[in-house]
Amino acid sequence: IAMRDAAFELDKHSGPYGENGMEYYIEM
């Protein structure tokens, strides 16, 4: 469950590498 939920995490953005882009990945 923890692993699966990590694949939908929208809020953990990297300081050095910017936003995670997960919302786009999930959609597209």
mmCIF file of all heavy atoms, coordinates in Angstrom:
data_MODEL
# 
_entry.id   MODEL 
# 
loop_
_atom_site.group_PDB 
_atom_site.id 
_atom_site.type_symbol 
_atom_site.label_atom_id 
_atom_site.label_alt_id 
_atom_site.label_comp_id 
_atom_site.label_asym_id 
_atom_site.label_entity_id 
_atom_site.label_seq_id 
_atom_site.pdbx_PDB_ins_code 
_atom_site.Cartn_x 
_atom_site.Cartn_y 
_atom_site.Cartn_z 
_atom_site.occupancy 
_atom_site.B_iso_or_equiv 
_atom_site.pdbx_formal_charge 
_atom_site.auth_seq_id 
_atom_site.auth_comp_id 
_atom_site.auth_asym_id 
_atom_site.auth_atom_id 
_atom_site.pdbx_PDB_model_num 
ATOM 1   N N   . ILE A 1 1  ? 0.840  -1.204 0.000   1.00 0.00 ? 1  ILE A N   1 
ATOM 2   C CA  . ILE A 1 1  ? 0.000  0.000  0.000   1.00 0.00 ? 1  ILE A CA  1 
ATOM 3   C C   . ILE A 1 1  ? 0.874  1.252  0.000   1.00 0.00 ? 1  ILE A C   1 
ATOM 4   O O   . ILE A 1 1  ? 0.617  2.211  -0.740  1.00 0.00 ? 1  ILE A O   1 
ATOM 5   C CB  . ILE A 1 1  ? -0.966 -0.007 1.208   1.00 0.00 ? 1  ILE A CB  1 
ATOM 6   C CG1 . ILE A 1 1  ? -1.973 -1.153 1.063   1.00 0.00 ? 1  ILE A CG1 1 
ATOM 7   C CG2 . ILE A 1 1  ? -1.682 1.329  1.340   1.00 0.00 ? 1  ILE A CG2 1 
ATOM 8   C CD1 . ILE A 1 1  ? -2.774 -1.438 2.317   1.00 0.00 ? 1  ILE A CD1 1 
ATOM 9   N N   . ALA A 1 2  ? 1.935  1.238  0.806   1.00 0.00 ? 2  ALA A N   1 
ATOM 10  C CA  . ALA A 1 2  ? 2.851  2.387  0.850   1.00 0.00 ? 2  ALA A CA  1 
ATOM 11  C C   . ALA A 1 2  ? 3.522  2.596  -0.503  1.00 0.00 ? 2  ALA A C   1 
ATOM 12  O O   . ALA A 1 2  ? 3.659  3.733  -0.973  1.00 0.00 ? 2  ALA A O   1 
ATOM 13  C CB  . ALA A 1 2  ? 3.899  2.168  1.937   1.00 0.00 ? 2  ALA A CB  1 
ATOM 14  N N   . MET A 1 3  ? 3.938  1.504  -1.146  1.00 0.00 ? 3  MET A N   1 
ATOM 15  C CA  . MET A 1 3  ? 4.579  1.592  -2.454  1.00 0.00 ? 3  MET A CA  1 
ATOM 16  C C   . MET A 1 3  ? 3.618  2.140  -3.497  1.00 0.00 ? 3  MET A C   1 
ATOM 17  O O   . MET A 1 3  ? 3.964  3.031  -4.279  1.00 0.00 ? 3  MET A O   1 
ATOM 18  C CB  . MET A 1 3  ? 5.063  0.202  -2.889  1.00 0.00 ? 3  MET A CB  1 
ATOM 19  C CG  . MET A 1 3  ? 6.188  -0.350 -2.044  1.00 0.00 ? 3  MET A CG  1 
ATOM 20  S SD  . MET A 1 3  ? 6.420  -2.125 -2.291  1.00 0.00 ? 3  MET A SD  1 
ATOM 21  C CE  . MET A 1 3  ? 6.852  -2.182 -4.021  1.00 0.00 ? 3  MET A CE  1 
ATOM 22  N N   . ARG A 1 4  ? 2.405  1.616  -3.506  1.00 0.00 ? 4  ARG A N   1 
ATOM 23  C CA  . ARG A 1 4  ? 1.428  2.046  -4.505  1.00 0.00 ? 4  ARG A CA  1 
ATOM 24  C C   . ARG A 1 4  ? 1.086  3.523  -4.315  1.00 0.00 ? 4  ARG A C   1 
ATOM 25  O O   . ARG A 1 4  ? 1.001  4.281  -5.286  1.00 0.00 ? 4  ARG A O   1 
ATOM 26  C CB  . ARG A 1 4  ? 0.165  1.192  -4.419  1.00 0.00 ? 4  ARG A CB  1 
ATOM 27  C CG  . ARG A 1 4  ? -0.812 1.473  -5.544  1.00 0.00 ? 4  ARG A CG  1 
ATOM 28  C CD  . ARG A 1 4  ? -2.052 0.596  -5.465  1.00 0.00 ? 4  ARG A CD  1 
ATOM 29  N NE  . ARG A 1 4  ? -2.936 0.878  -6.576  1.00 0.00 ? 4  ARG A NE  1 
ATOM 30  C CZ  . ARG A 1 4  ? -3.719 1.954  -6.675  1.00 0.00 ? 4  ARG A CZ  1 
ATOM 31  N NH1 . ARG A 1 4  ? -3.713 2.861  -5.727  1.00 0.00 ? 4  ARG A NH1 1 
ATOM 32  N NH2 . ARG A 1 4  ? -4.494 2.140  -7.736  1.00 0.00 ? 4  ARG A NH2 1 
ATOM 33  N N   . ASP A 1 5  ? 0.900  3.943  -3.072  1.00 0.00 ? 5  ASP A N   1 
ATOM 34  C CA  . ASP A 1 5  ? 0.568  5.348  -2.824  1.00 0.00 ? 5  ASP A CA  1 
ATOM 35  C C   . ASP A 1 5  ? 1.723  6.278  -3.204  1.00 0.00 ? 5  ASP A C   1 
ATOM 36  O O   . ASP A 1 5  ? 1.489  7.414  -3.622  1.00 0.00 ? 5  ASP A O   1 
ATOM 37  C CB  . ASP A 1 5  ? 0.150  5.555  -1.370  1.00 0.00 ? 5  ASP A CB  1 
ATOM 38  C CG  . ASP A 1 5  ? -1.292 5.133  -1.126  1.00 0.00 ? 5  ASP A CG  1 
ATOM 39  O OD1 . ASP A 1 5  ? -1.921 4.557  -2.039  1.00 0.00 ? 5  ASP A OD1 1 
ATOM 40  O OD2 . ASP A 1 5  ? -1.789 5.370  -0.017  1.00 0.00 ? 5  ASP A OD2 1 
ATOM 41  N N   . ALA A 1 6  ? 2.960  5.816  -3.069  1.00 0.00 ? 6  ALA A N   1 
ATOM 42  C CA  . ALA A 1 6  ? 4.116  6.633  -3.467  1.00 0.00 ? 6  ALA A CA  1 
ATOM 43  C C   . ALA A 1 6  ? 4.063  6.965  -4.954  1.00 0.00 ? 6  ALA A C   1 
ATOM 44  O O   . ALA A 1 6  ? 4.540  8.022  -5.381  1.00 0.00 ? 6  ALA A O   1 
ATOM 45  C CB  . ALA A 1 6  ? 5.415  5.914  -3.129  1.00 0.00 ? 6  ALA A CB  1 
ATOM 46  N N   . ALA A 1 7  ? 3.469  6.073  -5.732  1.00 0.00 ? 7  ALA A N   1 
ATOM 47  C CA  . ALA A 1 7  ? 3.374  6.284  -7.181  1.00 0.00 ? 7  ALA A CA  1 
ATOM 48  C C   . ALA A 1 7  ? 2.347  7.353  -7.548  1.00 0.00 ? 7  ALA A C   1 
ATOM 49  O O   . ALA A 1 7  ? 2.216  7.697  -8.725  1.00 0.00 ? 7  ALA A O   1 
ATOM 50  C CB  . ALA A 1 7  ? 3.034  4.969  -7.874  1.00 0.00 ? 7  ALA A CB  1 
ATOM 51  N N   . PHE A 1 8  ? 1.638  7.875  -6.562  1.00 0.00 ? 8  PHE A N   1 
ATOM 52  C CA  . PHE A 1 8  ? 0.650  8.923  -6.807  1.00 0.00 ? 8  PHE A CA  1 
ATOM 53  C C   . PHE A 1 8  ? 0.950  10.179 -5.981  1.00 0.00 ? 8  PHE A C   1 
ATOM 54  O O   . PHE A 1 8  ? 0.106  11.060 -5.859  1.00 0.00 ? 8  PHE A O   1 
ATOM 55  C CB  . PHE A 1 8  ? -0.758 8.412  -6.484  1.00 0.00 ? 8  PHE A CB  1 
ATOM 56  C CG  . PHE A 1 8  ? -1.181 7.290  -7.382  1.00 0.00 ? 8  PHE A CG  1 
ATOM 57  C CD1 . PHE A 1 8  ? -0.961 5.974  -7.012  1.00 0.00 ? 8  PHE A CD1 1 
ATOM 58  C CD2 . PHE A 1 8  ? -1.767 7.556  -8.611  1.00 0.00 ? 8  PHE A CD2 1 
ATOM 59  C CE1 . PHE A 1 8  ? -1.323 4.925  -7.848  1.00 0.00 ? 8  PHE A CE1 1 
ATOM 60  C CE2 . PHE A 1 8  ? -2.132 6.518  -9.454  1.00 0.00 ? 8  PHE A CE2 1 
ATOM 61  C CZ  . PHE A 1 8  ? -1.913 5.202  -9.079  1.00 0.00 ? 8  PHE A CZ  1 
ATOM 62  N N   . GLU A 1 9  ? 2.158  10.228 -5.416  1.00 0.00 ? 9  GLU A N   1 
ATOM 63  C CA  . GLU A 1 9  ? 2.560  11.348 -4.555  1.00 0.00 ? 9  GLU A CA  1 
ATOM 64  C C   . GLU A 1 9  ? 2.811  12.598 -5.395  1.00 0.00 ? 9  GLU A C   1 
ATOM 65  O O   . GLU A 1 9  ? 3.719  12.638 -6.214  1.00 0.00 ? 9  GLU A O   1 
ATOM 66  C CB  . GLU A 1 9  ? 3.829  10.970 -3.781  1.00 0.00 ? 9  GLU A CB  1 
ATOM 67  C CG  . GLU A 1 9  ? 4.412  12.078 -2.927  1.00 0.00 ? 9  GLU A CG  1 
ATOM 68  C CD  . GLU A 1 9  ? 3.456  12.585 -1.882  1.00 0.00 ? 9  GLU A CD  1 
ATOM 69  O OE1 . GLU A 1 9  ? 3.087  11.817 -0.982  1.00 0.00 ? 9  GLU A OE1 1 
ATOM 70  O OE2 . GLU A 1 9  ? 3.079  13.768 -1.971  1.00 0.00 ? 9  GLU A OE2 1 
ATOM 71  N N   . LEU A 1 10 ? 2.002  13.615 -5.183  1.00 0.00 ? 10 LEU A N   1 
ATOM 72  C CA  . LEU A 1 10 ? 2.103  14.839 -5.983  1.00 0.00 ? 10 LEU A CA  1 
ATOM 73  C C   . LEU A 1 10 ? 2.935  15.929 -5.313  1.00 0.00 ? 10 LEU A C   1 
ATOM 74  O O   . LEU A 1 10 ? 3.317  16.900 -5.956  1.00 0.00 ? 10 LEU A O   1 
ATOM 75  C CB  . LEU A 1 10 ? 0.704  15.402 -6.262  1.00 0.00 ? 10 LEU A CB  1 
ATOM 76  C CG  . LEU A 1 10 ? -0.281 14.476 -6.978  1.00 0.00 ? 10 LEU A CG  1 
ATOM 77  C CD1 . LEU A 1 10 ? -1.630 15.170 -7.139  1.00 0.00 ? 10 LEU A CD1 1 
ATOM 78  C CD2 . LEU A 1 10 ? 0.259  14.021 -8.318  1.00 0.00 ? 10 LEU A CD2 1 
ATOM 79  N N   . ASP A 1 11 ? 3.224  15.776 -4.030  1.00 0.00 ? 11 ASP A N   1 
ATOM 80  C CA  . ASP A 1 11 ? 3.787  16.886 -3.263  1.00 0.00 ? 11 ASP A CA  1 
ATOM 81  C C   . ASP A 1 11 ? 5.278  16.812 -2.969  1.00 0.00 ? 11 ASP A C   1 
ATOM 82  O O   . ASP A 1 11 ? 5.844  17.773 -2.478  1.00 0.00 ? 11 ASP A O   1 
ATOM 83  C CB  . ASP A 1 11 ? 3.040  17.021 -1.930  1.00 0.00 ? 11 ASP A CB  1 
ATOM 84  C CG  . ASP A 1 11 ? 1.563  17.308 -2.134  1.00 0.00 ? 11 ASP A CG  1 
ATOM 85  O OD1 . ASP A 1 11 ? 1.244  18.040 -3.091  1.00 0.00 ? 11 ASP A OD1 1 
ATOM 86  O OD2 . ASP A 1 11 ? 0.747  16.775 -1.371  1.00 0.00 ? 11 ASP A OD2 1 
ATOM 87  N N   . LYS A 1 12 ? 5.927  15.689 -3.251  1.00 0.00 ? 12 LYS A N   1 
ATOM 88  C CA  . LYS A 1 12 ? 7.354  15.590 -2.930  1.00 0.00 ? 12 LYS A CA  1 
ATOM 89  C C   . LYS A 1 12 ? 8.189  16.076 -4.116  1.00 0.00 ? 12 LYS A C   1 
ATOM 90  O O   . LYS A 1 12 ? 8.499  15.329 -5.037  1.00 0.00 ? 12 LYS A O   1 
ATOM 91  C CB  . LYS A 1 12 ? 7.721  14.164 -2.540  1.00 0.00 ? 12 LYS A CB  1 
ATOM 92  C CG  . LYS A 1 12 ? 7.125  13.777 -1.194  1.00 0.00 ? 12 LYS A CG  1 
ATOM 93  C CD  . LYS A 1 12 ? 7.824  12.613 -0.566  1.00 0.00 ? 12 LYS A CD  1 
ATOM 94  C CE  . LYS A 1 12 ? 7.268  12.370 0.818   1.00 0.00 ? 12 LYS A CE  1 
ATOM 95  N NZ  . LYS A 1 12 ? 8.008  11.392 1.575   1.00 0.00 ? 12 LYS A NZ  1 
ATOM 96  N N   . HIS A 1 13 ? 8.520  17.374 -4.082  1.00 0.00 ? 13 HIS A N   1 
ATOM 97  C CA  . HIS A 1 13 ? 9.290  17.992 -5.155  1.00 0.00 ? 13 HIS A CA  1 
ATOM 98  C C   . HIS A 1 13 ? 10.746 18.158 -4.706  1.00 0.00 ? 13 HIS A C   1 
ATOM 99  O O   . HIS A 1 13 ? 11.011 18.530 -3.566  1.00 0.00 ? 13 HIS A O   1 
ATOM 100 C CB  . HIS A 1 13 ? 8.697  19.344 -5.518  1.00 0.00 ? 13 HIS A CB  1 
ATOM 101 C CG  . HIS A 1 13 ? 7.243  19.280 -5.880  1.00 0.00 ? 13 HIS A CG  1 
ATOM 102 N ND1 . HIS A 1 13 ? 6.793  18.644 -7.015  1.00 0.00 ? 13 HIS A ND1 1 
ATOM 103 C CD2 . HIS A 1 13 ? 6.144  19.734 -5.235  1.00 0.00 ? 13 HIS A CD2 1 
ATOM 104 C CE1 . HIS A 1 13 ? 5.472  18.743 -7.079  1.00 0.00 ? 13 HIS A CE1 1 
ATOM 105 N NE2 . HIS A 1 13 ? 5.053  19.389 -5.997  1.00 0.00 ? 13 HIS A NE2 1 
ATOM 106 N N   . SER A 1 14 ? 11.671 17.903 -5.589  1.00 0.00 ? 14 SER A N   1 
ATOM 107 C CA  . SER A 1 14 ? 13.095 17.992 -5.282  1.00 0.00 ? 14 SER A CA  1 
ATOM 108 C C   . SER A 1 14 ? 13.567 19.438 -5.319  1.00 0.00 ? 14 SER A C   1 
ATOM 109 O O   . SER A 1 14 ? 13.290 20.158 -6.284  1.00 0.00 ? 14 SER A O   1 
ATOM 110 C CB  . SER A 1 14 ? 13.874 17.165 -6.299  1.00 0.00 ? 14 SER A CB  1 
ATOM 111 O OG  . SER A 1 14 ? 15.255 17.428 -6.201  1.00 0.00 ? 14 SER A OG  1 
ATOM 112 N N   . GLY A 1 15 ? 14.291 19.841 -4.286  1.00 0.00 ? 15 GLY A N   1 
ATOM 113 C CA  . GLY A 1 15 ? 14.883 21.179 -4.290  1.00 0.00 ? 15 GLY A CA  1 
ATOM 114 C C   . GLY A 1 15 ? 15.787 21.397 -5.494  1.00 0.00 ? 15 GLY A C   1 
ATOM 115 O O   . GLY A 1 15 ? 15.584 22.323 -6.281  1.00 0.00 ? 15 GLY A O   1 
ATOM 116 N N   . PRO A 1 16 ? 16.769 20.537 -5.706  1.00 0.00 ? 16 PRO A N   1 
ATOM 117 C CA  . PRO A 1 16 ? 17.677 20.742 -6.844  1.00 0.00 ? 16 PRO A CA  1 
ATOM 118 C C   . PRO A 1 16 ? 17.050 20.469 -8.211  1.00 0.00 ? 16 PRO A C   1 
ATOM 119 O O   . PRO A 1 16 ? 17.469 21.059 -9.210  1.00 0.00 ? 16 PRO A O   1 
ATOM 120 C CB  . PRO A 1 16 ? 18.805 19.740 -6.588  1.00 0.00 ? 16 PRO A CB  1 
ATOM 121 C CG  . PRO A 1 16 ? 18.692 19.346 -5.164  1.00 0.00 ? 16 PRO A CG  1 
ATOM 122 C CD  . PRO A 1 16 ? 17.254 19.511 -4.793  1.00 0.00 ? 16 PRO A CD  1 
ATOM 123 N N   . TYR A 1 17 ? 16.053 19.572 -8.288  1.00 0.00 ? 17 TYR A N   1 
ATOM 124 C CA  . TYR A 1 17 ? 15.558 19.130 -9.596  1.00 0.00 ? 17 TYR A CA  1 
ATOM 125 C C   . TYR A 1 17 ? 14.106 19.518 -9.887  1.00 0.00 ? 17 TYR A C   1 
ATOM 126 O O   . TYR A 1 17 ? 13.518 19.033 -10.835 1.00 0.00 ? 17 TYR A O   1 
ATOM 127 C CB  . TYR A 1 17 ? 15.736 17.613 -9.727  1.00 0.00 ? 17 TYR A CB  1 
ATOM 128 C CG  . TYR A 1 17 ? 17.184 17.211 -9.578  1.00 0.00 ? 17 TYR A CG  1 
ATOM 129 C CD1 . TYR A 1 17 ? 17.606 16.475 -8.475  1.00 0.00 ? 17 TYR A CD1 1 
ATOM 130 C CD2 . TYR A 1 17 ? 18.129 17.593 -10.519 1.00 0.00 ? 17 TYR A CD2 1 
ATOM 131 C CE1 . TYR A 1 17 ? 18.935 16.129 -8.316  1.00 0.00 ? 17 TYR A CE1 1 
ATOM 132 C CE2 . TYR A 1 17 ? 19.460 17.247 -10.368 1.00 0.00 ? 17 TYR A CE2 1 
ATOM 133 C CZ  . TYR A 1 17 ? 19.870 16.519 -9.266  1.00 0.00 ? 17 TYR A CZ  1 
ATOM 134 O OH  . TYR A 1 17 ? 21.185 16.180 -9.119  1.00 0.00 ? 17 TYR A OH  1 
ATOM 135 N N   . GLY A 1 18 ? 13.536 20.367 -9.060  1.00 0.00 ? 18 GLY A N   1 
ATOM 136 C CA  . GLY A 1 18 ? 12.228 20.929 -9.343  1.00 0.00 ? 18 GLY A CA  1 
ATOM 137 C C   . GLY A 1 18 ? 11.054 20.004 -9.082  1.00 0.00 ? 18 GLY A C   1 
ATOM 138 O O   . GLY A 1 18 ? 11.179 18.965 -8.443  1.00 0.00 ? 18 GLY A O   1 
ATOM 139 N N   . GLU A 1 19 ? 9.892  20.420 -9.604  1.00 0.00 ? 19 GLU A N   1 
ATOM 140 C CA  . GLU A 1 19 ? 8.665  19.677 -9.346  1.00 0.00 ? 19 GLU A CA  1 
ATOM 141 C C   . GLU A 1 19 ? 8.744  18.270 -9.933  1.00 0.00 ? 19 GLU A C   1 
ATOM 142 O O   . GLU A 1 19 ? 9.428  18.034 -10.921 1.00 0.00 ? 19 GLU A O   1 
ATOM 143 C CB  . GLU A 1 19 ? 7.450  20.426 -9.878  1.00 0.00 ? 19 GLU A CB  1 
ATOM 144 C CG  . GLU A 1 19 ? 7.407  20.621 -11.367 1.00 0.00 ? 19 GLU A CG  1 
ATOM 145 C CD  . GLU A 1 19 ? 6.162  21.374 -11.808 1.00 0.00 ? 19 GLU A CD  1 
ATOM 146 O OE1 . GLU A 1 19 ? 5.064  20.783 -11.759 1.00 0.00 ? 19 GLU A OE1 1 
ATOM 147 O OE2 . GLU A 1 19 ? 6.297  22.549 -12.189 1.00 0.00 ? 19 GLU A OE2 1 
ATOM 148 N N   . ASN A 1 20 ? 8.015  17.370 -9.297  1.00 0.00 ? 20 ASN A N   1 
ATOM 149 C CA  . ASN A 1 20 ? 8.126  15.965 -9.705  1.00 0.00 ? 20 ASN A CA  1 
ATOM 150 C C   . ASN A 1 20 ? 7.383  15.651 -10.998 1.00 0.00 ? 20 ASN A C   1 
ATOM 151 O O   . ASN A 1 20 ? 7.668  14.658 -11.647 1.00 0.00 ? 20 ASN A O   1 
ATOM 152 C CB  . ASN A 1 20 ? 7.705  15.016 -8.577  1.00 0.00 ? 20 ASN A CB  1 
ATOM 153 C CG  . ASN A 1 20 ? 6.246  15.143 -8.173  1.00 0.00 ? 20 ASN A CG  1 
ATOM 154 O OD1 . ASN A 1 20 ? 5.404  15.605 -8.931  1.00 0.00 ? 20 ASN A OD1 1 
ATOM 155 N ND2 . ASN A 1 20 ? 5.944  14.727 -6.947  1.00 0.00 ? 20 ASN A ND2 1 
ATOM 156 N N   . GLY A 1 21 ? 6.411  16.453 -11.381 1.00 0.00 ? 21 GLY A N   1 
ATOM 157 C CA  . GLY A 1 21 ? 5.686  16.209 -12.624 1.00 0.00 ? 21 GLY A CA  1 
ATOM 158 C C   . GLY A 1 21 ? 4.755  15.013 -12.578 1.00 0.00 ? 21 GLY A C   1 
ATOM 159 O O   . GLY A 1 21 ? 4.279  14.537 -13.612 1.00 0.00 ? 21 GLY A O   1 
ATOM 160 N N   . MET A 1 22 ? 4.475  14.534 -11.382 1.00 0.00 ? 22 MET A N   1 
ATOM 161 C CA  . MET A 1 22 ? 3.690  13.306 -11.250 1.00 0.00 ? 22 MET A CA  1 
ATOM 162 C C   . MET A 1 22 ? 2.271  13.446 -11.798 1.00 0.00 ? 22 MET A C   1 
ATOM 163 O O   . MET A 1 22 ? 1.726  12.493 -12.362 1.00 0.00 ? 22 MET A O   1 
ATOM 164 C CB  . MET A 1 22 ? 3.653  12.861 -9.783  1.00 0.00 ? 22 MET A CB  1 
ATOM 165 C CG  . MET A 1 22 ? 2.966  11.537 -9.556  1.00 0.00 ? 22 MET A CG  1 
ATOM 166 S SD  . MET A 1 22 ? 3.719  10.156 -10.458 1.00 0.00 ? 22 MET A SD  1 
ATOM 167 C CE  . MET A 1 22 ? 5.178  9.892  -9.470  1.00 0.00 ? 22 MET A CE  1 
ATOM 168 N N   . GLU A 1 23 ? 1.664  14.622 -11.653 1.00 0.00 ? 23 GLU A N   1 
ATOM 169 C CA  . GLU A 1 23 ? 0.301  14.764 -12.160 1.00 0.00 ? 23 GLU A CA  1 
ATOM 170 C C   . GLU A 1 23 ? 0.260  14.558 -13.675 1.00 0.00 ? 23 GLU A C   1 
ATOM 171 O O   . GLU A 1 23 ? -0.690 13.976 -14.212 1.00 0.00 ? 23 GLU A O   1 
ATOM 172 C CB  . GLU A 1 23 ? -0.302 16.127 -11.770 1.00 0.00 ? 23 GLU A CB  1 
ATOM 173 C CG  . GLU A 1 23 ? 0.357  17.325 -12.405 1.00 0.00 ? 23 GLU A CG  1 
ATOM 174 C CD  . GLU A 1 23 ? 1.575  17.850 -11.650 1.00 0.00 ? 23 GLU A CD  1 
ATOM 175 O OE1 . GLU A 1 23 ? 2.144  17.117 -10.814 1.00 0.00 ? 23 GLU A OE1 1 
ATOM 176 O OE2 . GLU A 1 23 ? 1.960  18.998 -11.905 1.00 0.00 ? 23 GLU A OE2 1 
ATOM 177 N N   . TYR A 1 24 ? 1.305  14.998 -14.380 1.00 0.00 ? 24 TYR A N   1 
ATOM 178 C CA  . TYR A 1 24 ? 1.371  14.776 -15.832 1.00 0.00 ? 24 TYR A CA  1 
ATOM 179 C C   . TYR A 1 24 ? 1.628  13.308 -16.146 1.00 0.00 ? 24 TYR A C   1 
ATOM 180 O O   . TYR A 1 24 ? 1.031  12.743 -17.066 1.00 0.00 ? 24 TYR A O   1 
ATOM 181 C CB  . TYR A 1 24 ? 2.483  15.628 -16.456 1.00 0.00 ? 24 TYR A CB  1 
ATOM 182 C CG  . TYR A 1 24 ? 2.294  17.099 -16.255 1.00 0.00 ? 24 TYR A CG  1 
ATOM 183 C CD1 . TYR A 1 24 ? 3.044  17.782 -15.299 1.00 0.00 ? 24 TYR A CD1 1 
ATOM 184 C CD2 . TYR A 1 24 ? 1.369  17.815 -17.012 1.00 0.00 ? 24 TYR A CD2 1 
ATOM 185 C CE1 . TYR A 1 24 ? 2.877  19.137 -15.102 1.00 0.00 ? 24 TYR A CE1 1 
ATOM 186 C CE2 . TYR A 1 24 ? 1.191  19.173 -16.820 1.00 0.00 ? 24 TYR A CE2 1 
ATOM 187 C CZ  . TYR A 1 24 ? 1.952  19.836 -15.866 1.00 0.00 ? 24 TYR A CZ  1 
ATOM 188 O OH  . TYR A 1 24 ? 1.778  21.173 -15.673 1.00 0.00 ? 24 TYR A OH  1 
ATOM 189 N N   . TYR A 1 25 ? 2.517  12.716 -15.367 1.00 0.00 ? 25 TYR A N   1 
ATOM 190 C CA  . TYR A 1 25 ? 2.850  11.299 -15.587 1.00 0.00 ? 25 TYR A CA  1 
ATOM 191 C C   . TYR A 1 25 ? 1.616  10.418 -15.401 1.00 0.00 ? 25 TYR A C   1 
ATOM 192 O O   . TYR A 1 25 ? 1.362  9.511  -16.190 1.00 0.00 ? 25 TYR A O   1 
ATOM 193 C CB  . TYR A 1 25 ? 3.965  10.868 -14.641 1.00 0.00 ? 25 TYR A CB  1 
ATOM 194 C CG  . TYR A 1 25 ? 4.360  9.426  -14.800 1.00 0.00 ? 25 TYR A CG  1 
ATOM 195 C CD1 . TYR A 1 25 ? 5.162  9.023  -15.859 1.00 0.00 ? 25 TYR A CD1 1 
ATOM 196 C CD2 . TYR A 1 25 ? 3.909  8.462  -13.900 1.00 0.00 ? 25 TYR A CD2 1 
ATOM 197 C CE1 . TYR A 1 25 ? 5.517  7.690  -16.015 1.00 0.00 ? 25 TYR A CE1 1 
ATOM 198 C CE2 . TYR A 1 25 ? 4.253  7.138  -14.055 1.00 0.00 ? 25 TYR A CE2 1 
ATOM 199 C CZ  . TYR A 1 25 ? 5.062  6.752  -15.109 1.00 0.00 ? 25 TYR A CZ  1 
ATOM 200 O OH  . TYR A 1 25 ? 5.397  5.440  -15.275 1.00 0.00 ? 25 TYR A OH  1 
ATOM 201 N N   . ILE A 1 26 ? 0.845  10.691 -14.363 1.00 0.00 ? 26 ILE A N   1 
ATOM 202 C CA  . ILE A 1 26 ? -0.363 9.899  -14.108 1.00 0.00 ? 26 ILE A CA  1 
ATOM 203 C C   . ILE A 1 26 ? -1.369 10.072 -15.246 1.00 0.00 ? 26 ILE A C   1 
ATOM 204 O O   . ILE A 1 26 ? -2.002 9.111  -15.686 1.00 0.00 ? 26 ILE A O   1 
ATOM 205 C CB  . ILE A 1 26 ? -0.982 10.290 -12.746 1.00 0.00 ? 26 ILE A CB  1 
ATOM 206 C CG1 . ILE A 1 26 ? -0.064 9.845  -11.597 1.00 0.00 ? 26 ILE A CG1 1 
ATOM 207 C CG2 . ILE A 1 26 ? -2.377 9.689  -12.586 1.00 0.00 ? 26 ILE A CG2 1 
ATOM 208 C CD1 . ILE A 1 26 ? -0.435 10.423 -10.243 1.00 0.00 ? 26 ILE A CD1 1 
ATOM 209 N N   . GLU A 1 27 ? -1.480 11.286 -15.749 1.00 0.00 ? 27 GLU A N   1 
ATOM 210 C CA  . GLU A 1 27 ? -2.454 11.566 -16.802 1.00 0.00 ? 27 GLU A CA  1 
ATOM 211 C C   . GLU A 1 27 ? -1.993 11.099 -18.182 1.00 0.00 ? 27 GLU A C   1 
ATOM 212 O O   . GLU A 1 27 ? -2.774 10.546 -18.959 1.00 0.00 ? 27 GLU A O   1 
ATOM 213 C CB  . GLU A 1 27 ? -2.739 13.064 -16.857 1.00 0.00 ? 27 GLU A CB  1 
ATOM 214 C CG  . GLU A 1 27 ? -3.747 13.469 -17.915 1.00 0.00 ? 27 GLU A CG  1 
ATOM 215 C CD  . GLU A 1 27 ? -3.941 14.977 -17.995 1.00 0.00 ? 27 GLU A CD  1 
ATOM 216 O OE1 . GLU A 1 27 ? -3.558 15.681 -17.037 1.00 0.00 ? 27 GLU A OE1 1 
ATOM 217 O OE2 . GLU A 1 27 ? -4.470 15.437 -19.014 1.00 0.00 ? 27 GLU A OE2 1 
ATOM 218 N N   . MET A 1 28 ? -0.694 11.294 -18.502 1.00 0.00 ? 28 MET A N   1 
ATOM 219 C CA  . MET A 1 28 ? -0.213 11.071 -19.870 1.00 0.00 ? 28 MET A CA  1 
ATOM 220 C C   . MET A 1 28 ? 0.818  9.952  -20.011 1.00 0.00 ? 28 MET A C   1 
ATOM 221 O O   . MET A 1 28 ? 1.312  9.700  -21.099 1.00 0.00 ? 28 MET A O   1 
ATOM 222 C CB  . MET A 1 28 ? 0.403  12.363 -20.412 1.00 0.00 ? 28 MET A CB  1 
ATOM 223 C CG  . MET A 1 28 ? -0.523 13.554 -20.365 1.00 0.00 ? 28 MET A CG  1 
ATOM 224 S SD  . MET A 1 28 ? 0.178  15.057 -21.117 1.00 0.00 ? 28 MET A SD  1 
ATOM 225 C CE  . MET A 1 28 ? 1.662  15.325 -20.171 1.00 0.00 ? 28 MET A CE  1 
# 
